[in-house]
Amino acid sequence: MMYRITSTLATMDIDVADSEPLYQELERNGWFLIDIRDMADDGTNKLDYYKKRIDEGSELLELNCNIVIGCDAGISRSNSIALGILVKHFKMDFYDALELVKTKVPRCNIDPSHIRRLKKLFSVGPP
């Protein structure tokens, strides 16, 4: 299921068996998929991984693309990258962006390791 956070940014879960038809359907509907199923959910991702994916999303938005960030479950990893894109591209306050993602994606439960990495990447202090 796809959850729209803004009109041009969404997150979703990706069923491995349906990957190719999903890519085609998203493309037909004007969405570009950033597949982050290779991202770990155990706190081992380097800051460069977050930066690369956030920059990729931001660059696509600059080109007026609609993007959807996808991982296996659509609960933690995809929402963490969407959070970073909101902060970088949309210039949102970190905590406001986090609340927006939580509001728009009911299943959102970003792992604390991702929150820590993003705070470090964006030099965010306590609220």
N, C-alpha and C. Protein backbone atom coordinates (compact mmCIF):
# COMPACT_ATOMS: atom_id res chain seq x y z
N MET A 1 0.84 -1.18 0.00
CA MET A 1 0.00 0.00 0.00
C MET A 1 0.88 1.24 0.00
N MET A 2 0.48 2.25 -0.77
CA MET A 2 1.23 3.49 -0.84
C MET A 2 0.56 4.53 0.05
N TYR A 3 1.40 5.24 0.82
CA TYR A 3 0.94 6.32 1.69
C TYR A 3 1.55 7.63 1.20
N ARG A 4 0.70 8.56 0.78
CA ARG A 4 1.19 9.86 0.34
C ARG A 4 1.46 10.75 1.54
N ILE A 5 2.66 11.31 1.55
CA ILE A 5 3.05 12.24 2.60
C ILE A 5 2.84 13.67 2.09
N THR A 6 3.26 13.90 0.87
CA THR A 6 2.95 15.15 0.16
C THR A 6 2.39 14.73 -1.20
N SER A 7 2.06 15.68 -2.03
CA SER A 7 1.53 15.32 -3.35
C SER A 7 2.59 14.65 -4.23
N THR A 8 3.87 14.82 -3.90
CA THR A 8 4.95 14.27 -4.72
C THR A 8 5.84 13.27 -3.99
N LEU A 9 5.55 12.98 -2.74
CA LEU A 9 6.39 12.07 -1.93
C LEU A 9 5.51 11.08 -1.20
N ALA A 10 5.86 9.80 -1.33
CA ALA A 10 5.08 8.74 -0.67
C ALA A 10 6.01 7.63 -0.21
N THR A 11 5.49 6.75 0.65
CA THR A 11 6.22 5.55 1.05
C THR A 11 5.32 4.34 0.83
N MET A 12 5.95 3.16 0.76
CA MET A 12 5.17 1.95 0.56
C MET A 12 5.99 0.71 0.91
N ASP A 13 5.25 -0.40 1.06
CA ASP A 13 5.91 -1.69 1.21
C ASP A 13 5.98 -2.35 -0.17
N ILE A 14 7.01 -3.15 -0.38
CA ILE A 14 7.22 -3.81 -1.67
C ILE A 14 7.21 -5.31 -1.45
N ASP A 15 6.29 -5.99 -2.10
CA ASP A 15 6.24 -7.44 -2.09
C ASP A 15 7.25 -7.93 -3.12
N VAL A 16 8.26 -8.68 -2.66
CA VAL A 16 9.34 -9.12 -3.53
C VAL A 16 8.80 -9.83 -4.78
N ALA A 17 7.80 -10.64 -4.63
CA ALA A 17 7.27 -11.40 -5.76
C ALA A 17 6.64 -10.51 -6.82
N ASP A 18 6.16 -9.35 -6.43
CA ASP A 18 5.47 -8.46 -7.36
C ASP A 18 6.29 -7.25 -7.78
N SER A 19 7.60 -7.29 -7.59
CA SER A 19 8.44 -6.12 -7.85
C SER A 19 8.31 -5.57 -9.26
N GLU A 20 8.49 -6.39 -10.27
CA GLU A 20 8.48 -5.90 -11.65
C GLU A 20 7.12 -5.32 -12.05
N PRO A 21 6.01 -6.01 -11.81
CA PRO A 21 4.71 -5.38 -12.13
C PRO A 21 4.49 -4.09 -11.34
N LEU A 22 4.98 -4.05 -10.12
CA LEU A 22 4.83 -2.85 -9.30
C LEU A 22 5.58 -1.68 -9.93
N TYR A 23 6.82 -1.90 -10.35
CA TYR A 23 7.60 -0.83 -11.00
C TYR A 23 6.84 -0.28 -12.21
N GLN A 24 6.31 -1.18 -13.01
CA GLN A 24 5.58 -0.77 -14.22
C GLN A 24 4.32 0.01 -13.88
N GLU A 25 3.59 -0.45 -12.88
CA GLU A 25 2.36 0.25 -12.48
C GLU A 25 2.67 1.64 -11.94
N LEU A 26 3.68 1.74 -11.10
CA LEU A 26 4.06 3.04 -10.55
C LEU A 26 4.46 3.99 -11.68
N GLU A 27 5.26 3.49 -12.60
CA GLU A 27 5.70 4.32 -13.72
C GLU A 27 4.52 4.81 -14.56
N ARG A 28 3.57 3.92 -14.83
CA ARG A 28 2.37 4.31 -15.59
C ARG A 28 1.59 5.41 -14.88
N ASN A 29 1.63 5.39 -13.56
CA ASN A 29 0.90 6.38 -12.76
C ASN A 29 1.74 7.60 -12.40
N GLY A 30 2.93 7.71 -12.99
CA GLY A 30 3.75 8.91 -12.80
C GLY A 30 4.60 8.93 -11.54
N TRP A 31 4.92 7.76 -10.98
CA TRP A 31 5.73 7.69 -9.77
C TRP A 31 7.05 7.00 -10.06
N PHE A 32 8.13 7.52 -9.48
CA PHE A 32 9.44 6.91 -9.59
C PHE A 32 9.74 6.23 -8.25
N LEU A 33 10.10 4.95 -8.28
CA LEU A 33 10.35 4.19 -7.06
C LEU A 33 11.82 4.25 -6.68
N ILE A 34 12.09 4.61 -5.43
CA ILE A 34 13.42 4.47 -4.85
C ILE A 34 13.33 3.26 -3.93
N ASP A 35 13.92 2.16 -4.38
CA ASP A 35 13.86 0.88 -3.68
C ASP A 35 15.01 0.81 -2.67
N ILE A 36 14.66 0.80 -1.39
CA ILE A 36 15.70 0.77 -0.35
C ILE A 36 15.67 -0.54 0.44
N ARG A 37 15.25 -1.61 -0.21
CA ARG A 37 15.22 -2.89 0.48
C ARG A 37 16.60 -3.36 0.88
N ASP A 38 17.65 -2.78 0.30
CA ASP A 38 19.02 -3.14 0.67
C ASP A 38 19.48 -2.43 1.95
N MET A 39 18.69 -1.52 2.47
CA MET A 39 19.03 -0.78 3.69
C MET A 39 18.82 -1.67 4.91
N ALA A 40 19.81 -1.68 5.80
CA ALA A 40 19.69 -2.47 7.03
C ALA A 40 18.76 -1.76 8.02
N ASP A 41 18.14 -2.54 8.87
CA ASP A 41 17.25 -1.98 9.90
C ASP A 41 17.79 -2.31 11.28
N ASP A 42 19.12 -2.35 11.37
CA ASP A 42 19.75 -2.76 12.63
C ASP A 42 20.78 -1.76 13.16
N GLY A 43 20.78 -0.55 12.62
CA GLY A 43 21.69 0.48 13.11
C GLY A 43 23.06 0.46 12.47
N THR A 44 23.27 -0.36 11.43
CA THR A 44 24.60 -0.47 10.83
C THR A 44 24.79 0.39 9.59
N ASN A 45 23.76 1.08 9.14
CA ASN A 45 23.89 1.93 7.95
C ASN A 45 24.80 3.11 8.24
N LYS A 46 25.65 3.41 7.30
CA LYS A 46 26.54 4.57 7.42
C LYS A 46 25.77 5.83 7.00
N LEU A 47 26.23 6.97 7.50
CA LEU A 47 25.59 8.24 7.15
C LEU A 47 25.57 8.45 5.65
N ASP A 48 26.60 7.99 4.95
CA ASP A 48 26.65 8.14 3.50
C ASP A 48 25.47 7.48 2.80
N TYR A 49 24.98 6.36 3.35
CA TYR A 49 23.84 5.68 2.74
C TYR A 49 22.61 6.59 2.81
N TYR A 50 22.37 7.15 4.00
CA TYR A 50 21.22 8.05 4.16
C TYR A 50 21.35 9.25 3.23
N LYS A 51 22.55 9.85 3.23
CA LYS A 51 22.77 11.03 2.41
C LYS A 51 22.54 10.73 0.94
N LYS A 52 23.06 9.60 0.45
CA LYS A 52 22.91 9.24 -0.96
C LYS A 52 21.44 9.09 -1.33
N ARG A 53 20.66 8.38 -0.52
CA ARG A 53 19.25 8.15 -0.84
C ARG A 53 18.43 9.43 -0.70
N ILE A 54 18.71 10.23 0.30
CA ILE A 54 18.01 11.50 0.48
C ILE A 54 18.33 12.44 -0.67
N ASP A 55 19.60 12.51 -1.06
CA ASP A 55 19.99 13.34 -2.20
C ASP A 55 19.32 12.87 -3.48
N GLU A 56 19.26 11.54 -3.67
CA GLU A 56 18.59 10.98 -4.85
C GLU A 56 17.14 11.42 -4.92
N GLY A 57 16.44 11.32 -3.79
CA GLY A 57 15.04 11.74 -3.75
C GLY A 57 14.88 13.23 -4.01
N SER A 58 15.74 14.01 -3.40
CA SER A 58 15.68 15.46 -3.57
C SER A 58 15.94 15.86 -5.02
N GLU A 59 16.92 15.21 -5.64
CA GLU A 59 17.22 15.51 -7.04
C GLU A 59 16.05 15.16 -7.96
N LEU A 60 15.39 14.04 -7.70
CA LEU A 60 14.22 13.67 -8.50
C LEU A 60 13.09 14.68 -8.32
N LEU A 61 12.90 15.13 -7.09
CA LEU A 61 11.87 16.15 -6.85
C LEU A 61 12.21 17.45 -7.58
N GLU A 62 13.49 17.79 -7.64
CA GLU A 62 13.92 18.99 -8.38
C GLU A 62 13.56 18.88 -9.85
N LEU A 63 13.53 17.63 -10.35
CA LEU A 63 13.18 17.38 -11.76
C LEU A 63 11.67 17.21 -11.94
N ASN A 64 10.91 17.57 -10.91
CA ASN A 64 9.45 17.48 -10.91
C ASN A 64 8.92 16.06 -11.03
N CYS A 65 9.67 15.10 -10.49
CA CYS A 65 9.22 13.71 -10.45
C CYS A 65 8.43 13.48 -9.17
N ASN A 66 7.50 12.56 -9.22
CA ASN A 66 6.82 12.06 -8.03
C ASN A 66 7.61 10.85 -7.58
N ILE A 67 7.94 10.77 -6.29
CA ILE A 67 8.74 9.64 -5.82
C ILE A 67 8.04 8.90 -4.69
N VAL A 68 8.26 7.59 -4.70
CA VAL A 68 7.79 6.74 -3.62
C VAL A 68 9.01 5.97 -3.12
N ILE A 69 9.20 5.98 -1.81
CA ILE A 69 10.30 5.26 -1.18
C ILE A 69 9.74 3.92 -0.73
N GLY A 70 10.38 2.83 -1.15
CA GLY A 70 9.85 1.51 -0.83
C GLY A 70 10.85 0.61 -0.12
N CYS A 71 10.37 -0.10 0.88
CA CYS A 71 11.13 -1.15 1.56
C CYS A 71 10.20 -2.34 1.76
N ASP A 72 10.68 -3.39 2.40
CA ASP A 72 9.86 -4.60 2.54
C ASP A 72 8.53 -4.36 3.24
N ALA A 73 8.56 -3.68 4.38
CA ALA A 73 7.35 -3.54 5.19
C ALA A 73 6.71 -2.16 5.13
N GLY A 74 7.47 -1.13 4.75
CA GLY A 74 6.92 0.22 4.69
C GLY A 74 6.64 0.81 6.06
N ILE A 75 7.41 0.38 7.05
CA ILE A 75 7.18 0.81 8.43
C ILE A 75 8.29 1.74 8.93
N SER A 76 9.53 1.37 8.72
CA SER A 76 10.65 2.09 9.33
C SER A 76 11.60 2.71 8.30
N ARG A 77 12.24 1.89 7.49
CA ARG A 77 13.28 2.37 6.59
C ARG A 77 12.78 3.39 5.57
N SER A 78 11.69 3.07 4.88
CA SER A 78 11.17 3.99 3.87
C SER A 78 10.75 5.32 4.49
N ASN A 79 10.17 5.25 5.66
CA ASN A 79 9.73 6.47 6.33
C ASN A 79 10.91 7.29 6.85
N SER A 80 12.01 6.64 7.19
CA SER A 80 13.19 7.40 7.63
C SER A 80 13.77 8.19 6.47
N ILE A 81 13.83 7.58 5.28
CA ILE A 81 14.35 8.30 4.12
C ILE A 81 13.38 9.43 3.72
N ALA A 82 12.09 9.17 3.79
CA ALA A 82 11.11 10.22 3.50
C ALA A 82 11.28 11.39 4.48
N LEU A 83 11.51 11.08 5.74
CA LEU A 83 11.76 12.11 6.74
C LEU A 83 12.96 12.96 6.33
N GLY A 84 14.04 12.31 5.94
CA GLY A 84 15.23 13.05 5.50
C GLY A 84 14.96 13.92 4.29
N ILE A 85 14.15 13.43 3.36
CA ILE A 85 13.81 14.21 2.18
C ILE A 85 12.97 15.44 2.57
N LEU A 86 12.06 15.27 3.51
CA LEU A 86 11.27 16.41 3.97
C LEU A 86 12.18 17.49 4.57
N VAL A 87 13.17 17.07 5.34
CA VAL A 87 14.08 18.02 5.97
C VAL A 87 14.96 18.69 4.92
N LYS A 88 15.56 17.89 4.04
CA LYS A 88 16.48 18.46 3.06
C LYS A 88 15.76 19.23 1.96
N HIS A 89 14.87 18.57 1.26
CA HIS A 89 14.26 19.17 0.07
C HIS A 89 13.19 20.22 0.41
N PHE A 90 12.34 19.88 1.36
CA PHE A 90 11.24 20.78 1.70
C PHE A 90 11.60 21.76 2.81
N LYS A 91 12.84 21.67 3.32
CA LYS A 91 13.36 22.59 4.35
C LYS A 91 12.49 22.59 5.62
N MET A 92 11.96 21.42 5.95
CA MET A 92 11.11 21.31 7.14
C MET A 92 11.95 21.13 8.40
N ASP A 93 11.43 21.60 9.50
CA ASP A 93 12.01 21.30 10.80
C ASP A 93 11.96 19.79 11.01
N PHE A 94 13.01 19.22 11.57
CA PHE A 94 13.11 17.77 11.75
C PHE A 94 11.90 17.20 12.48
N TYR A 95 11.54 17.80 13.59
CA TYR A 95 10.45 17.27 14.41
C TYR A 95 9.09 17.47 13.76
N ASP A 96 8.92 18.57 13.03
CA ASP A 96 7.67 18.77 12.29
C ASP A 96 7.55 17.73 11.17
N ALA A 97 8.67 17.46 10.51
CA ALA A 97 8.68 16.46 9.43
C ALA A 97 8.37 15.07 9.99
N LEU A 98 8.93 14.76 11.14
CA LEU A 98 8.68 13.47 11.78
C LEU A 98 7.19 13.33 12.10
N GLU A 99 6.58 14.37 12.63
CA GLU A 99 5.15 14.32 12.94
C GLU A 99 4.31 14.18 11.68
N LEU A 100 4.72 14.85 10.60
CA LEU A 100 3.98 14.74 9.34
C LEU A 100 4.01 13.30 8.84
N VAL A 101 5.19 12.67 8.86
CA VAL A 101 5.30 11.29 8.40
C VAL A 101 4.43 10.38 9.28
N LYS A 102 4.49 10.56 10.58
CA LYS A 102 3.68 9.73 11.48
C LYS A 102 2.18 9.92 11.23
N THR A 103 1.79 11.14 10.90
CA THR A 103 0.38 11.44 10.63
C THR A 103 -0.09 10.82 9.31
N LYS A 104 0.75 10.92 8.29
CA LYS A 104 0.36 10.47 6.96
C LYS A 104 0.52 8.96 6.75
N VAL A 105 1.40 8.34 7.54
CA VAL A 105 1.67 6.90 7.38
C VAL A 105 1.32 6.21 8.70
N PRO A 106 0.09 5.75 8.84
CA PRO A 106 -0.36 5.17 10.11
C PRO A 106 0.51 4.02 10.63
N ARG A 107 1.14 3.28 9.73
CA ARG A 107 1.97 2.16 10.15
C ARG A 107 3.41 2.58 10.48
N CYS A 108 3.72 3.86 10.36
CA CYS A 108 5.06 4.38 10.60
C CYS A 108 5.55 4.06 12.02
N ASN A 109 6.72 3.47 12.09
CA ASN A 109 7.39 3.20 13.37
C ASN A 109 8.89 3.17 13.07
N ILE A 110 9.46 4.36 12.91
CA ILE A 110 10.86 4.46 12.52
C ILE A 110 11.76 3.98 13.66
N ASP A 111 12.65 3.05 13.34
CA ASP A 111 13.59 2.51 14.31
C ASP A 111 14.45 3.65 14.87
N PRO A 112 14.68 3.66 16.18
CA PRO A 112 15.48 4.72 16.80
C PRO A 112 16.88 4.88 16.18
N SER A 113 17.45 3.79 15.65
CA SER A 113 18.78 3.91 15.03
C SER A 113 18.72 4.82 13.81
N HIS A 114 17.62 4.80 13.07
CA HIS A 114 17.48 5.69 11.91
C HIS A 114 17.31 7.14 12.37
N ILE A 115 16.53 7.33 13.41
CA ILE A 115 16.34 8.69 13.95
C ILE A 115 17.69 9.26 14.40
N ARG A 116 18.48 8.47 15.11
CA ARG A 116 19.81 8.93 15.56
C ARG A 116 20.69 9.32 14.38
N ARG A 117 20.71 8.48 13.35
CA ARG A 117 21.55 8.76 12.17
C ARG A 117 21.08 10.05 11.47
N LEU A 118 19.78 10.19 11.31
CA LEU A 118 19.26 11.38 10.64
C LEU A 118 19.54 12.64 11.45
N LYS A 119 19.40 12.55 12.76
CA LYS A 119 19.72 13.71 13.61
C LYS A 119 21.18 14.10 13.45
N LYS A 120 22.03 13.10 13.38
CA LYS A 120 23.46 13.38 13.19
C LYS A 120 23.69 14.00 11.82
N LEU A 121 23.09 13.45 10.78
CA LEU A 121 23.26 13.95 9.42
C LEU A 121 22.83 15.41 9.30
N PHE A 122 21.73 15.76 9.96
CA PHE A 122 21.19 17.12 9.86
C PHE A 122 21.55 18.01 11.06
N SER A 123 22.43 17.51 11.95
CA SER A 123 22.86 18.25 13.15
C SER A 123 21.67 18.74 13.95
N VAL A 124 20.77 17.82 14.29
CA VAL A 124 19.54 18.14 15.02
C VAL A 124 19.75 17.85 16.50
N GLY A 125 19.35 18.80 17.33
CA GLY A 125 19.40 18.62 18.78
C GLY A 125 18.04 18.20 19.32
N PRO A 126 17.92 18.21 20.63
CA PRO A 126 16.63 17.85 21.24
C PRO A 126 15.54 18.85 20.86
N PRO A 127 14.28 18.39 20.93
CA PRO A 127 13.18 19.32 20.57
C PRO A 127 13.08 20.50 21.50
